[in-house]
């Protein structure tokens, strides 16, 4: 039986996000590590490697393929209630101790993740998009592992998805390069970025550099990609008032219209301490976001326990516009023009052309099975 490495190395194609160097070396520019990869060696992500002077990149498979509510990504300002066909591969350029998708992200890095081999499903871009069409998906999302390191595969799918009338989104750690963003920009509607901490020392523990993520948030926004930011609030790691204020002020300084999701940590992977984030911490973080000038702040992972911070309200007159609980939209009143029906304020985001067609699942109504 083939090892995971052998199986994945067969499922590759020549990469486009690379630069040829002397002596058959290549520079990978898919993520901000910008790995110099010599012939026969691998990048930090372990899934992009140099074979005879050509960068080989993941291609032709998925380890996750599922139709989800767009709110699960989470995107709250792109087509609420819509279905997103989400696909993922293996590998990551970070190594977060609390990763909830570690079986996918830490493949080839952590021996315990080798069982990911059993989840590999060969598939073509055409088949991915057809799966989305059959599920009634309005969006296609690259997620589960870090999508930057599988950008070429994502782009092949996105090109077909756009032709089929779907929008495309990334769910990412934000460790991008300008080259990767320009490569994806023509097909990318939304980019969810994790802002894991405002301390560089914390980012170094996770395998990244804070400044690279801050630059990605600024750059993606400047390129016209819709950006939503998520901070997983981990007790004792990034939950101090000072750090939450730093994050909120940074985002508000770029645009007060950037949605900021503060979400609850729970024990996973190698992080078995501390205890899960309490609701009061998320409420404190959300209030800091509002006080810092952000118009759209959300608290996640604790449905029914975070007051109004699951729903979208007009920043001018406070009219509830999108009522949610967990991933369920129960009310949607934003106009087709993207405005508040009460005061006419423009609401930042990507909204439904036909508000009457937005999926709503009221109390006691089952969600559809795909």
Protein backbone atom coordinates (compact mmCIF):
# COMPACT_ATOMS: atom_id res chain seq x y z
CA UNK A 1 0.00 0.00 0.00
CA UNK A 2 1.33 3.44 -0.93
CA UNK A 3 2.32 5.82 1.82
CA UNK A 4 0.48 9.11 2.13
CA UNK A 5 3.48 10.93 0.65
CA UNK A 6 3.64 8.59 -2.34
CA UNK A 7 -0.10 8.87 -2.94
CA UNK A 8 -0.07 12.67 -2.82
CA UNK A 9 3.02 13.00 -5.00
CA UNK A 10 1.16 11.18 -7.77
CA UNK A 11 -1.73 13.66 -7.49
CA UNK A 12 0.18 16.76 -8.56
CA UNK A 13 0.64 19.09 -11.53
CA UNK A 14 3.22 21.76 -12.46
CA UNK A 15 2.69 24.85 -10.31
CA UNK A 16 2.10 28.35 -11.62
CA UNK A 17 2.90 30.27 -8.44
CA UNK A 18 6.65 29.75 -8.67
CA UNK A 19 9.85 31.27 -10.00
CA UNK A 20 12.66 29.28 -11.64
CA UNK A 21 16.12 29.79 -10.13
CA UNK A 22 19.62 28.55 -10.84
CA UNK A 23 20.72 24.94 -10.27
CA UNK A 24 17.18 23.57 -10.76
CA UNK A 25 15.92 25.40 -7.64
CA UNK A 26 12.52 27.11 -7.51
CA UNK A 27 10.98 29.85 -5.39
CA UNK A 28 7.38 29.10 -4.38
CA UNK A 29 5.26 32.26 -4.08
CA UNK A 30 1.93 30.71 -3.05
CA UNK A 31 2.35 31.83 0.57
CA UNK A 32 4.42 34.39 2.40
CA UNK A 33 7.05 31.85 3.46
CA UNK A 34 8.35 32.14 -0.12
CA UNK A 35 10.18 28.84 0.21
CA UNK A 36 13.40 28.36 -1.73
CA UNK A 37 13.03 24.71 -2.74
CA UNK A 38 16.00 22.85 -4.15
CA UNK A 39 15.62 19.86 -6.46
CA UNK A 40 14.17 16.91 -4.57
CA UNK A 41 13.08 18.98 -1.56
CA UNK A 42 9.73 20.21 -0.20
CA UNK A 43 8.36 23.52 1.00
CA UNK A 44 7.25 24.17 4.57
CA UNK A 45 3.74 22.98 3.68
CA UNK A 46 5.18 19.56 2.64
CA UNK A 47 2.77 19.23 -0.30
CA UNK A 48 4.56 21.52 -2.79
CA UNK A 49 7.87 20.08 -3.92
CA UNK A 50 10.61 20.44 -6.53
CA UNK A 51 10.98 17.64 -9.07
CA UNK A 52 13.76 18.22 -11.57
CA UNK A 53 13.47 21.99 -11.39
CA UNK A 54 9.66 22.04 -11.67
CA UNK A 55 7.44 22.92 -8.73
CA UNK A 56 4.81 20.20 -8.33
CA UNK A 57 1.58 21.20 -6.58
CA UNK A 58 -1.54 19.33 -5.34
CA UNK A 59 -4.01 18.43 -8.07
CA UNK A 60 -6.89 16.13 -8.89
CA UNK A 61 -8.29 15.13 -5.52
CA UNK A 62 -10.25 16.29 -2.47
CA UNK A 63 -10.33 15.03 1.11
CA UNK A 64 -13.42 17.02 1.96
CA UNK A 65 -16.39 17.90 -0.26
CA UNK A 66 -19.54 19.10 1.44
CA UNK A 67 -22.43 21.48 0.94
CA UNK A 68 -22.55 23.91 3.89
CA UNK A 69 -24.37 27.13 4.79
CA UNK A 70 -22.18 30.09 3.83
CA UNK A 71 -22.54 31.24 7.47
CA UNK A 72 -20.41 28.26 8.54
CA UNK A 73 -17.30 29.58 6.76
CA UNK A 74 -18.11 32.14 8.32
CA UNK A 75 -19.26 34.74 5.81
CA UNK A 76 -22.16 36.85 7.09
CA UNK A 77 -22.07 39.52 4.37
CA UNK A 78 -22.05 37.31 1.28
CA UNK A 79 -25.45 35.93 0.23
CA UNK A 80 -26.84 34.98 3.66
CA UNK A 81 -28.69 31.68 3.64
CA UNK A 82 -26.87 30.46 0.53
CA UNK A 83 -25.28 27.04 0.14
CA UNK A 84 -21.54 26.85 -0.39
CA UNK A 85 -19.98 23.71 -1.84
CA UNK A 86 -16.78 23.44 0.20
CA UNK A 87 -13.75 21.44 -0.90
CA UNK A 88 -10.40 20.85 0.73
CA UNK A 89 -7.11 19.08 0.19
CA UNK A 90 -4.19 18.31 2.54
CA UNK A 91 -1.43 20.41 4.09
CA UNK A 92 -0.85 23.79 5.69
CA UNK A 93 1.92 26.35 6.00
CA UNK A 94 1.16 26.85 9.74
CA UNK A 95 1.14 24.34 12.61
CA UNK A 96 -1.43 25.65 15.09
CA UNK A 97 -1.73 23.52 18.24
CA UNK A 98 -5.50 24.10 18.39
CA UNK A 99 -6.30 23.32 14.74
CA UNK A 100 -9.78 21.84 14.37
CA UNK A 101 -8.97 20.42 10.94
CA UNK A 102 -5.58 18.97 11.87
CA UNK A 103 -6.17 15.62 10.14
CA UNK A 104 -6.23 17.58 6.89
CA UNK A 105 -3.89 20.44 7.66
CA UNK A 106 -1.06 18.54 9.35
CA UNK A 107 -0.83 15.66 6.89
CA UNK A 108 2.81 14.82 6.07
CA UNK A 109 3.89 16.79 9.15
CA UNK A 110 2.23 14.78 11.94
CA UNK A 111 2.35 10.99 11.78
CA UNK A 112 -1.02 10.77 13.53
CA UNK A 113 -2.60 12.51 10.53
CA UNK A 114 -1.54 9.75 8.12
CA UNK A 115 -5.03 8.27 8.24
CA UNK A 116 -5.92 11.15 5.88
CA UNK A 117 -4.91 8.72 3.12
CA UNK A 118 -8.26 6.98 3.51
CA UNK A 119 -10.12 10.23 2.75
CA UNK A 120 -8.48 10.98 -0.59
CA UNK A 121 -11.01 11.08 -3.42
CA UNK A 122 -9.84 11.53 -7.00
CA UNK A 123 -11.97 14.09 -8.79
CA UNK A 124 -11.81 16.62 -11.64
CA UNK A 125 -12.63 20.33 -11.50
CA UNK A 126 -15.65 19.60 -13.70
CA UNK A 127 -16.92 17.01 -11.23
CA UNK A 128 -16.50 19.40 -8.28
CA UNK A 129 -18.56 22.07 -10.01
CA UNK A 130 -21.19 19.54 -11.09
CA UNK A 131 -21.48 18.40 -7.46
CA UNK A 132 -22.12 22.00 -6.50
CA UNK A 133 -24.72 22.39 -9.21
CA UNK A 134 -26.60 19.30 -8.02
CA UNK A 135 -26.51 20.59 -4.43
CA UNK A 136 -27.99 23.93 -5.49
CA UNK A 137 -24.85 25.75 -4.37
CA UNK A 138 -24.52 29.44 -5.12
CA UNK A 139 -20.90 29.51 -4.00
CA UNK A 140 -17.79 27.34 -4.06
CA UNK A 141 -15.37 27.57 -1.11
CA UNK A 142 -11.80 26.37 -0.74
CA UNK A 143 -11.34 25.43 2.93
CA UNK A 144 -10.57 22.62 5.44
CA UNK A 145 -6.81 22.87 4.83
CA UNK A 146 -4.92 26.07 3.93
CA UNK A 147 -6.14 26.97 0.43
CA UNK A 148 -3.18 29.18 -0.48
CA UNK A 149 -0.93 26.15 -0.86
CA UNK A 150 -3.44 24.57 -3.26
CA UNK A 151 -4.22 27.77 -5.18
CA UNK A 152 -3.69 26.29 -8.64
CA UNK A 153 -6.26 23.56 -7.99
CA UNK A 154 -8.69 26.08 -6.53
CA UNK A 155 -8.33 28.35 -9.53
CA UNK A 156 -9.10 25.51 -11.95
CA UNK A 157 -12.34 24.90 -10.05
CA UNK A 158 -13.14 28.59 -9.65
CA UNK A 159 -12.89 29.27 -13.39
CA UNK A 160 -15.56 26.65 -14.09
CA UNK A 161 -17.67 27.69 -11.10
CA UNK A 162 -17.81 31.31 -12.29
CA UNK A 163 -18.87 30.12 -15.74
CA UNK A 164 -21.65 28.15 -14.01
CA UNK A 165 -22.87 31.29 -12.22
CA UNK A 166 -21.36 30.57 -8.80
CA UNK A 167 -19.29 32.89 -6.64
CA UNK A 168 -15.98 31.74 -5.14
CA UNK A 169 -14.48 32.26 -1.68
CA UNK A 170 -11.32 31.39 0.25
CA UNK A 171 -11.22 30.40 3.94
CA UNK A 172 -7.61 31.07 4.84
CA UNK A 173 -4.98 31.96 7.42
CA UNK A 174 -4.13 35.02 5.33
CA UNK A 175 -0.44 34.22 4.91
CA UNK A 176 -0.62 35.30 1.27
CA UNK A 177 1.71 36.97 -1.20
CA UNK A 178 0.81 39.77 -3.63
CA UNK A 179 1.39 37.26 -6.44
CA UNK A 180 -1.15 34.81 -5.02
CA UNK A 181 -3.78 37.49 -4.50
CA UNK A 182 -3.37 38.82 -8.04
CA UNK A 183 -3.58 35.25 -9.35
CA UNK A 184 -6.86 34.59 -7.54
CA UNK A 185 -8.44 38.04 -7.71
CA UNK A 186 -10.30 37.70 -11.05
CA UNK A 187 -12.33 34.78 -9.65
CA UNK A 188 -12.47 35.45 -5.92
CA UNK A 189 -15.51 37.20 -4.43
CA UNK A 190 -14.71 36.71 -0.74
CA UNK A 191 -11.70 36.06 1.46
CA UNK A 192 -12.13 35.00 5.09
CA UNK A 193 -8.88 35.67 6.95
CA UNK A 194 -7.90 34.46 10.41
CA UNK A 195 -6.30 37.16 12.54
CA UNK A 196 -5.01 34.82 15.21
CA UNK A 197 -3.19 37.35 17.39
CA UNK A 198 -1.81 40.87 17.39
CA UNK A 199 1.48 39.68 18.88
CA UNK A 200 4.21 38.51 16.53
CA UNK A 201 5.59 36.14 19.16
CA UNK A 202 2.27 34.29 19.14
CA UNK A 203 2.34 34.05 15.37
CA UNK A 204 5.87 32.63 15.48
CA UNK A 205 4.56 29.85 17.74
CA UNK A 206 1.99 28.99 15.07
CA UNK A 207 4.48 29.07 12.22
CA UNK A 208 3.74 32.50 10.77
CA UNK A 209 4.56 36.21 10.86
CA UNK A 210 1.98 38.74 12.00
CA UNK A 211 2.94 41.42 9.47
CA UNK A 212 2.28 39.09 6.53
CA UNK A 213 -1.32 38.60 7.67
CA UNK A 214 -1.89 42.29 8.33
CA UNK A 215 -0.54 43.06 4.86
CA UNK A 216 -2.88 40.48 3.31
CA UNK A 217 -5.94 42.01 4.97
CA UNK A 218 -4.99 45.46 3.64
CA UNK A 219 -4.06 44.21 0.18
CA UNK A 220 -7.10 41.98 -0.36
CA UNK A 221 -9.39 44.81 0.65
CA UNK A 222 -7.57 47.22 -1.70
CA UNK A 223 -7.97 44.73 -4.57
CA UNK A 224 -11.75 44.83 -4.15
CA UNK A 225 -12.10 41.34 -2.64
CA UNK A 226 -14.76 41.17 0.08
CA UNK A 227 -12.88 40.48 3.34
CA UNK A 228 -14.24 39.12 6.62
CA UNK A 229 -11.88 38.56 9.55
CA UNK A 230 -12.10 35.90 12.27
CA UNK A 231 -10.30 35.92 15.60
CA UNK A 232 -10.53 32.69 17.59
CA UNK A 233 -10.41 34.05 21.13
CA UNK A 234 -8.22 31.70 23.19
CA UNK A 235 -8.07 32.32 26.96
CA UNK A 236 -4.56 33.27 28.02
CA UNK A 237 -3.33 33.51 24.44
CA UNK A 238 -5.01 36.48 22.78
CA UNK A 239 -7.96 37.50 24.98
CA UNK A 240 -6.52 40.50 26.84
CA UNK A 241 -8.32 43.80 26.41
CA UNK A 242 -5.17 45.38 24.97
CA UNK A 243 -4.83 42.77 22.26
CA UNK A 244 -8.51 42.81 21.34
CA UNK A 245 -8.38 46.60 21.12
CA UNK A 246 -5.31 46.38 18.87
CA UNK A 247 -7.10 43.99 16.51
CA UNK A 248 -10.30 46.04 16.40
CA UNK A 249 -8.49 49.34 15.84
CA UNK A 250 -6.36 47.83 13.09
CA UNK A 251 -9.42 46.60 11.20
CA UNK A 252 -11.39 49.81 11.74
CA UNK A 253 -8.37 51.74 10.44
CA UNK A 254 -8.62 49.88 7.14
CA UNK A 255 -12.40 50.06 6.93
CA UNK A 256 -15.16 50.13 9.57
CA UNK A 257 -17.16 47.94 7.14
CA UNK A 258 -14.93 44.87 7.61
CA UNK A 259 -16.97 42.27 9.53
CA UNK A 260 -15.06 40.98 12.57
CA UNK A 261 -16.04 37.57 13.95
CA UNK A 262 -14.82 36.78 17.46
CA UNK A 263 -15.31 33.07 18.00
CA UNK A 264 -15.03 30.64 20.90
CA UNK A 265 -12.10 28.28 21.36
CA UNK A 266 -12.57 24.68 22.43
CA UNK A 267 -9.94 22.06 23.21
CA UNK A 268 -8.63 20.29 20.14
CA UNK A 269 -5.56 18.61 18.69
CA UNK A 270 -2.55 19.38 20.94
CA UNK A 271 -4.12 22.19 22.96
CA UNK A 272 -5.94 20.52 25.85
CA UNK A 273 -5.68 23.64 27.99
CA UNK A 274 -7.16 26.20 28.64
CA UNK A 275 -10.89 25.72 29.11
CA UNK A 276 -13.30 26.74 26.36
CA UNK A 277 -13.92 30.44 25.82
CA UNK A 278 -16.89 31.63 27.93
CA UNK A 279 -19.68 33.69 26.40
CA UNK A 280 -18.80 36.69 28.56
CA UNK A 281 -15.36 36.87 26.89
CA UNK A 282 -16.88 36.91 23.42
CA UNK A 283 -19.34 39.60 24.47
CA UNK A 284 -16.46 41.68 25.85
CA UNK A 285 -14.53 41.24 22.59
CA UNK A 286 -17.58 42.15 20.51
CA UNK A 287 -18.21 45.28 22.56
CA UNK A 288 -14.58 46.32 22.08
CA UNK A 289 -15.04 45.91 18.33
CA UNK A 290 -18.09 48.13 18.36
CA UNK A 291 -16.37 50.77 20.52
CA UNK A 292 -13.40 50.76 18.15
CA UNK A 293 -15.72 51.82 15.34
CA UNK A 294 -16.43 48.55 13.52
CA UNK A 295 -19.97 48.53 12.15
CA UNK A 296 -20.40 44.76 11.93
CA UNK A 297 -19.17 42.61 14.80
CA UNK A 298 -20.21 39.00 15.38
CA UNK A 299 -19.68 36.45 18.14
CA UNK A 300 -19.56 32.83 17.04
CA UNK A 301 -19.59 29.20 18.15
CA UNK A 302 -21.95 29.84 21.08
CA UNK A 303 -25.42 30.06 19.50
CA UNK A 304 -28.11 31.61 21.65
CA UNK A 305 -25.60 32.89 24.23
CA UNK A 306 -24.19 36.03 22.60
CA UNK A 307 -27.22 38.33 22.45
CA UNK A 308 -27.53 40.33 19.23
CA UNK A 309 -24.04 39.45 17.99
CA UNK A 310 -25.27 36.59 15.79
CA UNK A 311 -27.37 38.91 13.63
CA UNK A 312 -26.75 41.81 11.26
CA UNK A 313 -28.28 45.18 12.07
CA UNK A 314 -28.24 48.53 10.29
CA UNK A 315 -25.32 50.57 11.65
CA UNK A 316 -27.38 53.76 11.31
CA UNK A 317 -30.85 52.95 12.70
CA UNK A 318 -30.17 49.54 14.33
CA UNK A 319 -32.96 47.79 12.42
CA UNK A 320 -32.39 44.00 12.41
CA UNK A 321 -31.60 43.05 8.82
CA UNK A 322 -30.48 39.42 8.98
CA UNK A 323 -31.52 37.39 12.00
CA UNK A 324 -29.46 34.26 12.64
CA UNK A 325 -28.99 31.56 15.18
CA UNK A 326 -25.92 29.42 14.55
CA UNK A 327 -25.97 28.84 10.78
CA UNK A 328 -29.71 29.34 10.34
CA UNK A 329 -31.12 32.53 8.81
CA UNK A 330 -34.65 33.19 10.07
CA UNK A 331 -35.19 36.70 8.70
CA UNK A 332 -33.70 38.69 5.81
CA UNK A 333 -34.90 42.18 4.91
CA UNK A 334 -31.96 43.80 3.07
CA UNK A 335 -33.20 45.25 -0.20
CA UNK A 336 -32.06 44.06 -3.63
CA UNK A 337 -30.00 47.26 -3.76
CA UNK A 338 -28.19 46.27 -0.55
CA UNK A 339 -29.81 48.88 1.67
CA UNK A 340 -31.69 49.05 4.95
CA UNK A 341 -35.44 49.10 4.19
CA UNK A 342 -36.10 51.54 7.04
CA UNK A 343 -33.52 54.31 6.56
CA UNK A 344 -31.92 53.52 3.19
CA UNK A 345 -28.37 53.14 4.55
CA UNK A 346 -26.13 51.10 2.26
CA UNK A 347 -25.09 47.85 3.96
CA UNK A 348 -21.62 46.70 2.98
CA UNK A 349 -21.46 43.22 1.46
CA UNK A 350 -22.63 41.03 -1.41
CA UNK A 351 -26.39 40.64 -1.20
CA UNK A 352 -29.13 38.67 -2.92
CA UNK A 353 -30.63 40.11 -6.11
CA UNK A 354 -33.97 38.63 -5.03
CA UNK A 355 -34.45 38.98 -1.25
CA UNK A 356 -37.62 36.89 -1.42
CA UNK A 357 -35.55 33.90 -2.59
CA UNK A 358 -33.16 33.90 0.38
CA UNK A 359 -33.23 30.58 2.24
CA UNK A 360 -34.89 30.88 5.63
CA UNK A 361 -35.36 27.98 8.01
CA UNK A 362 -37.59 28.95 10.86
CA UNK A 363 -37.84 27.23 14.26
CA UNK A 364 -38.69 23.56 13.96
CA UNK A 365 -38.09 23.44 10.20
CA UNK A 366 -35.47 20.90 9.14
CA UNK A 367 -32.54 22.04 7.03
CA UNK A 368 -32.14 20.29 3.70
CA UNK A 369 -29.99 17.18 3.35
CA UNK A 370 -27.51 17.23 0.47
